[in-house]
Protein backbone atom coordinates (compact mmCIF):
# COMPACT_ATOMS: atom_id res chain seq x y z
CA MET A 1 -40.26 -20.22 17.29
CA ALA A 2 -37.29 -22.88 18.12
CA ASN A 3 -34.54 -23.98 16.52
CA PRO A 4 -34.21 -27.75 17.81
CA SER A 5 -30.47 -27.57 17.20
CA ALA A 6 -29.78 -24.83 18.80
CA GLY A 7 -27.33 -24.65 21.27
CA ARG A 8 -29.52 -26.05 24.57
CA MET A 9 -32.04 -26.48 23.26
CA ARG A 10 -31.07 -29.56 21.98
CA GLY A 11 -30.96 -30.80 25.47
CA SER A 12 -33.92 -29.06 26.45
CA SER A 13 -37.09 -31.03 25.43
CA ARG A 14 -39.78 -28.59 24.25
CA ALA A 15 -42.38 -29.27 26.30
CA THR A 16 -40.64 -27.96 29.59
CA VAL A 17 -40.37 -24.59 27.79
CA GLU A 18 -43.82 -24.25 26.74
CA GLY A 19 -45.27 -25.18 29.88
CA SER A 20 -42.71 -22.91 31.60
CA LEU A 21 -43.68 -20.59 28.82
CA ARG A 22 -47.36 -20.83 30.29
CA GLU A 23 -46.63 -20.86 33.78
CA SER A 24 -45.73 -17.41 32.78
CA ALA A 25 -49.50 -15.98 32.13
CA LEU A 26 -48.93 -16.63 27.64
CA LYS A 27 -51.43 -18.21 26.05
CA VAL A 28 -48.15 -20.63 23.70
CA VAL A 29 -48.62 -21.27 19.76
CA PRO A 30 -46.05 -22.99 18.70
CA VAL A 31 -45.06 -22.42 15.16
CA GLU A 32 -42.84 -24.79 12.96
CA ALA A 33 -40.82 -24.10 9.72
CA ALA A 34 -38.60 -26.26 7.86
CA THR A 35 -36.11 -24.33 7.13
CA GLN A 36 -34.29 -20.46 8.76
CA GLU A 37 -35.74 -19.27 4.93
CA GLY A 38 -39.35 -20.55 6.00
CA VAL A 39 -39.48 -18.27 9.64
CA ALA A 40 -40.72 -15.29 8.40
CA GLU A 41 -43.49 -16.43 6.37
CA ALA A 42 -44.44 -19.33 9.44
CA LEU A 43 -44.70 -16.47 12.03
CA ARG A 44 -46.31 -13.58 9.72
CA GLU A 45 -49.16 -16.29 8.97
CA ALA A 46 -49.79 -17.33 12.82
CA LEU A 47 -49.16 -13.70 13.38
CA ALA A 48 -52.45 -12.88 11.32
CA ARG A 49 -54.47 -15.17 13.73
CA GLU A 50 -53.74 -13.35 16.40
CA SER A 51 -54.45 -9.91 18.20
CA ALA A 52 -51.33 -7.35 17.47
CA ASP A 53 -51.98 -5.60 20.30
CA THR A 54 -51.51 -8.88 22.72
CA ALA A 55 -49.10 -10.72 20.19
CA ARG A 56 -45.67 -11.50 21.27
CA VAL A 57 -43.14 -13.37 19.19
CA VAL A 58 -41.05 -15.73 21.37
CA VAL A 59 -37.82 -17.37 19.70
CA ALA A 60 -35.37 -19.90 21.63
CA GLY A 61 -32.88 -20.34 19.72
CA GLY A 62 -29.18 -18.28 18.45
CA ASP A 63 -28.35 -15.07 16.84
CA GLY A 64 -29.34 -16.71 13.32
CA THR A 65 -32.63 -17.53 14.32
CA ILE A 66 -33.27 -14.36 15.54
CA HIS A 67 -32.31 -13.23 12.66
CA ALA A 68 -34.75 -15.09 9.92
CA ALA A 69 -37.36 -13.78 12.89
CA LEU A 70 -36.69 -9.33 11.86
CA PRO A 71 -39.08 -9.75 8.13
CA ALA A 72 -41.95 -10.70 10.36
CA LEU A 73 -41.34 -8.21 13.63
CA ALA A 74 -40.11 -4.83 11.55
CA ASP A 75 -42.53 -1.68 12.39
CA THR A 76 -45.02 -4.48 13.37
CA GLY A 77 -45.10 -3.24 17.43
CA VAL A 78 -45.27 -7.65 18.16
CA PRO A 79 -42.39 -7.94 21.00
CA LEU A 80 -39.76 -10.50 20.31
CA ALA A 81 -39.05 -12.35 23.62
CA ILE A 82 -35.33 -13.49 23.37
CA LEU A 83 -35.01 -17.37 25.13
CA PRO A 84 -30.70 -17.12 24.25
CA VAL A 85 -30.27 -21.29 23.69
CA GLY A 86 -27.85 -20.41 20.79
CA SER A 87 -23.96 -20.95 21.24
CA VAL A 88 -22.75 -16.81 21.41
CA ASN A 89 -25.90 -15.29 21.94
CA VAL A 90 -24.38 -11.68 20.98
CA LEU A 91 -28.46 -9.89 21.25
CA ALA A 92 -29.87 -10.90 24.16
CA ARG A 93 -26.43 -10.10 26.52
CA ASP A 94 -25.88 -6.70 24.57
CA LEU A 95 -29.88 -6.59 25.55
CA GLY A 96 -29.81 -7.87 28.95
CA ILE A 97 -31.17 -11.17 28.90
CA PRO A 98 -30.75 -14.20 31.21
CA THR A 99 -28.57 -16.46 29.71
CA SER A 100 -30.22 -18.59 32.10
CA LEU A 101 -33.36 -20.72 31.12
CA ASP A 102 -35.50 -19.94 33.99
CA ALA A 103 -35.20 -16.26 33.86
CA ALA A 104 -35.15 -15.22 30.24
CA ILE A 105 -38.93 -17.16 30.08
CA ARG A 106 -39.34 -14.57 33.17
CA VAL A 107 -38.11 -11.34 30.93
CA ALA A 108 -40.64 -13.57 28.22
CA GLY A 109 -43.60 -13.15 30.61
CA ARG A 110 -43.41 -9.75 32.30
CA GLY A 111 -40.41 -7.76 31.51
CA ARG A 112 -40.95 -4.79 29.61
CA GLU A 113 -41.38 -3.77 26.41
CA ARG A 114 -37.91 -1.90 24.36
CA GLN A 115 -37.47 -0.03 21.32
CA ILE A 116 -34.53 -0.93 19.80
CA ASP A 117 -33.05 0.03 16.56
CA LEU A 118 -32.85 -2.04 13.26
CA GLY A 119 -30.22 -2.35 9.93
CA TYR A 120 -31.06 -3.37 6.88
CA ALA A 121 -28.72 -4.72 3.94
CA ASN A 122 -30.06 -3.83 0.75
CA GLY A 123 -33.22 -3.88 2.20
CA ARG A 124 -33.18 -7.18 4.53
CA PRO A 125 -32.59 -6.33 8.63
CA PHE A 126 -30.55 -7.49 10.50
CA ALA A 127 -29.88 -6.94 14.34
CA LEU A 128 -26.46 -6.55 15.49
CA MET A 129 -23.93 -6.27 11.99
CA ALA A 130 -23.42 -6.11 8.93
CA GLY A 131 -19.26 -7.14 7.59
CA ILE A 132 -18.33 -7.13 4.28
CA GLY A 133 -14.88 -8.59 3.69
CA PHE A 134 -13.12 -11.19 5.43
CA ASP A 135 -15.47 -12.22 8.45
CA ALA A 136 -18.40 -12.42 5.54
CA GLU A 137 -16.53 -14.88 3.51
CA VAL A 138 -15.88 -17.35 6.52
CA VAL A 139 -19.27 -16.92 7.42
CA ARG A 140 -19.76 -17.48 3.66
CA SER A 141 -17.04 -20.61 3.42
CA VAL A 142 -17.98 -22.63 7.18
CA ALA A 143 -19.45 -25.85 5.89
CA PRO A 144 -23.21 -26.40 7.70
CA ASP A 145 -21.65 -29.56 8.98
CA LEU A 146 -19.26 -28.75 11.00
CA LYS A 147 -20.97 -26.07 12.27
CA ASN A 148 -23.61 -28.32 13.86
CA LEU A 149 -20.60 -30.25 15.30
CA ILE A 150 -17.97 -27.93 17.17
CA GLY A 151 -20.64 -24.87 17.28
CA SER A 152 -19.55 -21.57 17.10
CA PHE A 153 -15.85 -23.31 17.19
CA ALA A 154 -16.21 -24.14 13.64
CA TYR A 155 -15.87 -20.29 12.90
CA VAL A 156 -12.89 -19.93 14.72
CA ALA A 157 -11.24 -22.86 13.12
CA ARG A 158 -12.07 -22.11 9.10
CA GLY A 159 -11.56 -17.95 10.75
CA LEU A 160 -7.69 -18.79 10.34
CA GLN A 161 -7.47 -20.85 7.31
CA VAL A 162 -8.93 -18.31 5.83
CA LEU A 163 -7.55 -15.17 7.45
CA ALA A 164 -3.85 -16.80 5.57
CA SER A 165 -4.30 -16.38 2.43
CA TYR A 166 -7.29 -13.66 2.58
CA PRO A 167 -5.92 -10.93 0.10
CA GLN A 168 -6.23 -7.37 0.03
CA THR A 169 -9.22 -5.47 -1.72
CA ARG A 170 -10.41 -2.09 -2.37
CA PHE A 171 -13.32 -0.74 -0.72
CA HIS A 172 -14.94 2.08 -2.25
CA ILE A 173 -17.71 3.75 0.32
CA GLU A 174 -19.90 6.01 1.02
CA ALA A 175 -20.52 7.43 4.20
CA ASP A 176 -23.79 10.07 4.06
CA GLY A 177 -21.49 12.14 1.63
CA GLU A 178 -18.07 11.51 3.32
CA GLU A 179 -16.30 9.59 0.95
CA VAL A 180 -13.35 7.19 2.14
CA GLU A 181 -11.01 4.22 -0.77
CA ALA A 182 -8.43 2.52 0.90
CA ALA A 183 -7.50 -1.20 0.29
CA GLY A 184 -8.52 -3.48 3.13
CA TRP A 185 -9.65 -6.43 4.26
CA LEU A 186 -12.57 -5.97 6.95
CA ALA A 187 -15.98 -3.63 7.30
CA VAL A 188 -18.24 -3.98 9.89
CA VAL A 189 -21.62 -1.46 10.41
CA ALA A 190 -22.36 -1.61 13.96
CA ASN A 191 -25.65 -1.29 14.98
CA ALA A 192 -24.60 -2.66 18.40
CA SER A 193 -21.55 -2.45 20.57
CA ARG A 194 -21.12 -6.70 20.66
CA TYR A 195 -19.51 -8.05 17.91
CA THR A 196 -18.75 -11.99 19.63
CA TYR A 197 -18.50 -12.89 22.42
CA HIS A 198 -16.96 -10.57 24.28
CA TRP A 199 -15.39 -9.06 21.21
CA ARG A 200 -16.12 -5.48 20.71
CA LEU A 201 -15.55 -4.30 17.50
CA ALA A 202 -17.50 -0.54 17.71
CA PRO A 203 -17.43 -0.09 21.73
CA ASP A 204 -19.74 3.08 21.14
CA ALA A 205 -22.05 2.09 19.31
CA ARG A 206 -25.67 2.05 20.82
CA ILE A 207 -28.84 -0.21 19.65
CA ASP A 208 -31.26 2.37 20.30
CA ASP A 209 -29.39 5.29 19.57
CA GLY A 210 -30.47 6.48 15.48
CA TRP A 211 -27.02 5.72 14.18
CA LEU A 212 -24.06 3.27 12.57
CA ASP A 213 -20.84 2.68 13.98
CA LEU A 214 -18.45 1.89 10.87
CA CYS A 215 -15.96 0.29 11.84
CA PHE A 216 -12.84 -0.39 8.54
CA PHE A 217 -9.70 -2.05 8.13
CA ALA A 218 -7.57 -0.18 5.73
CA SER A 219 -4.44 -2.21 5.43
CA GLU A 220 -1.39 -2.21 2.72
CA SER A 221 -0.08 -5.41 3.48
CA ALA A 222 -0.01 -8.97 5.44
CA LEU A 223 2.15 -7.76 8.07
CA GLN A 224 0.37 -4.72 9.08
CA THR A 225 -3.37 -6.87 8.69
CA ALA A 226 -1.53 -9.27 11.54
CA GLY A 227 -1.09 -6.26 13.72
CA GLN A 228 -4.91 -5.64 13.18
CA VAL A 229 -5.92 -8.77 14.20
CA VAL A 230 -3.21 -8.69 17.41
CA ALA A 231 -4.78 -5.46 18.68
CA THR A 232 -8.37 -6.62 18.20
CA LEU A 233 -8.01 -9.42 20.01
CA GLY A 234 -6.95 -7.36 23.02
CA GLY A 235 -9.51 -5.46 22.78
CA ARG A 236 -6.90 -2.48 21.43
CA HIS A 237 -8.03 -2.18 17.98
CA SER A 238 -9.39 1.60 18.02
CA ALA A 239 -5.96 3.24 18.50
CA HIS A 240 -4.12 1.13 15.66
CA PRO A 241 -3.01 1.99 12.05
CA GLY A 242 -4.87 1.81 9.72
CA VAL A 243 -7.97 1.03 11.64
CA ARG A 244 -11.17 3.89 11.00
CA HIS A 245 -14.56 4.36 12.98
CA LEU A 246 -17.03 6.63 11.50
CA ARG A 247 -21.04 7.42 12.32
CA ALA A 248 -23.48 7.75 9.40
CA LYS A 249 -26.66 6.50 9.06
CA ARG A 250 -26.58 5.78 5.67
CA LEU A 251 -24.04 3.58 3.96
CA ARG A 252 -23.04 2.71 0.49
CA PHE A 253 -19.97 0.15 -0.42
CA HIS A 254 -18.57 -1.06 -3.36
CA CYS A 255 -16.09 -2.97 -3.87
CA GLU A 256 -13.04 -4.11 -6.26
CA PRO A 257 -13.36 -7.41 -6.72
CA ASP A 258 -16.83 -7.82 -4.57
CA VAL A 259 -17.27 -9.58 -2.06
CA ALA A 260 -19.29 -10.94 0.70
CA VAL A 261 -21.54 -9.69 2.77
CA GLN A 262 -23.18 -11.40 6.40
CA LEU A 263 -25.92 -10.38 8.22
CA ASP A 264 -25.77 -10.92 11.44
CA GLY A 265 -23.42 -13.89 11.21
CA ASP A 266 -25.02 -15.41 7.93
CA PRO A 267 -24.95 -15.01 4.46
CA ALA A 268 -26.09 -12.74 2.49
CA GLY A 269 -24.17 -12.04 -1.30
CA SER A 270 -22.68 -10.01 -1.96
CA THR A 271 -21.41 -5.94 -2.95
CA PRO A 272 -22.23 -3.70 -3.62
CA VAL A 273 -24.60 -3.46 -0.73
CA GLU A 274 -25.98 0.08 0.78
CA VAL A 275 -27.13 -0.16 4.56
CA THR A 276 -29.26 2.13 5.93
CA VAL A 277 -30.56 2.43 10.09
CA ALA A 278 -34.05 2.16 10.86
CA PRO A 279 -34.96 4.06 14.51
CA GLY A 280 -37.00 1.77 16.71
CA ALA A 281 -38.30 -0.40 14.11
CA LEU A 282 -38.29 -3.31 16.36
CA THR A 283 -39.70 -4.36 19.96
CA VAL A 284 -38.17 -6.38 22.24
CA MET A 285 -38.91 -7.67 26.15
CA VAL A 286 -35.62 -7.35 28.01
CA PRO A 287 -35.62 -7.39 32.19
CA SER A 288 -38.34 -5.06 34.53
CA GLU A 289 -35.32 -4.19 36.37
């Protein structure tokens, strides 16, 4: 399954990639989907024609394409192999998958299997994070044409615009029975330590520990929010006033007013939202060494 508009796939021949996969002793069956929404169904149909004992799903794309494939792979035991040709490739980096396409193809063919956790937000799986509030509003409002033109920089540009006028929200959070209520602008439920680029909002999060890590930015003023943003960019947010960290297996969010939700960088509706963890729900191919 390849996203032809993802990063390096724009300059790569799909036939060349498929040929390299065959050289890694894989029988290649191309899978097509007209939209991101159709990826999971196309994969389910393809997997129904294959043996679950020998099948392997190779996704050439970024985190959005991987996210679209998760419903077809969760709890199946069918390994996911990632060719990280997207703009940022957060999941691949977290798993130690090489950014070199040739090296990633070797991992797809001859790597080892590893079980990782998945999160679920209102029943929808995610691999990296669920964002509630500011970042989800940025994701929701980025114009697709701008994203196709300048890639991940579209989120930076839009983020600066949204931050200037983003209002405070009253968050009501329940985390394994512990309740938190405060004004804030962002909550991120992390399944992995990486958020984007080199930023780690929840540096202690592990993608295979059976837990979710919450990083909540409580703030009463624009000045406090600005200070938290600066601290986050410098990796110093954990000690900043108003930033709270919790670990839980089940979290519920109610906001006044309701705010946007994003999963792995894709829009996912709005609050209220319930987030849970499914330990070991996804099998992935990672380097053998």
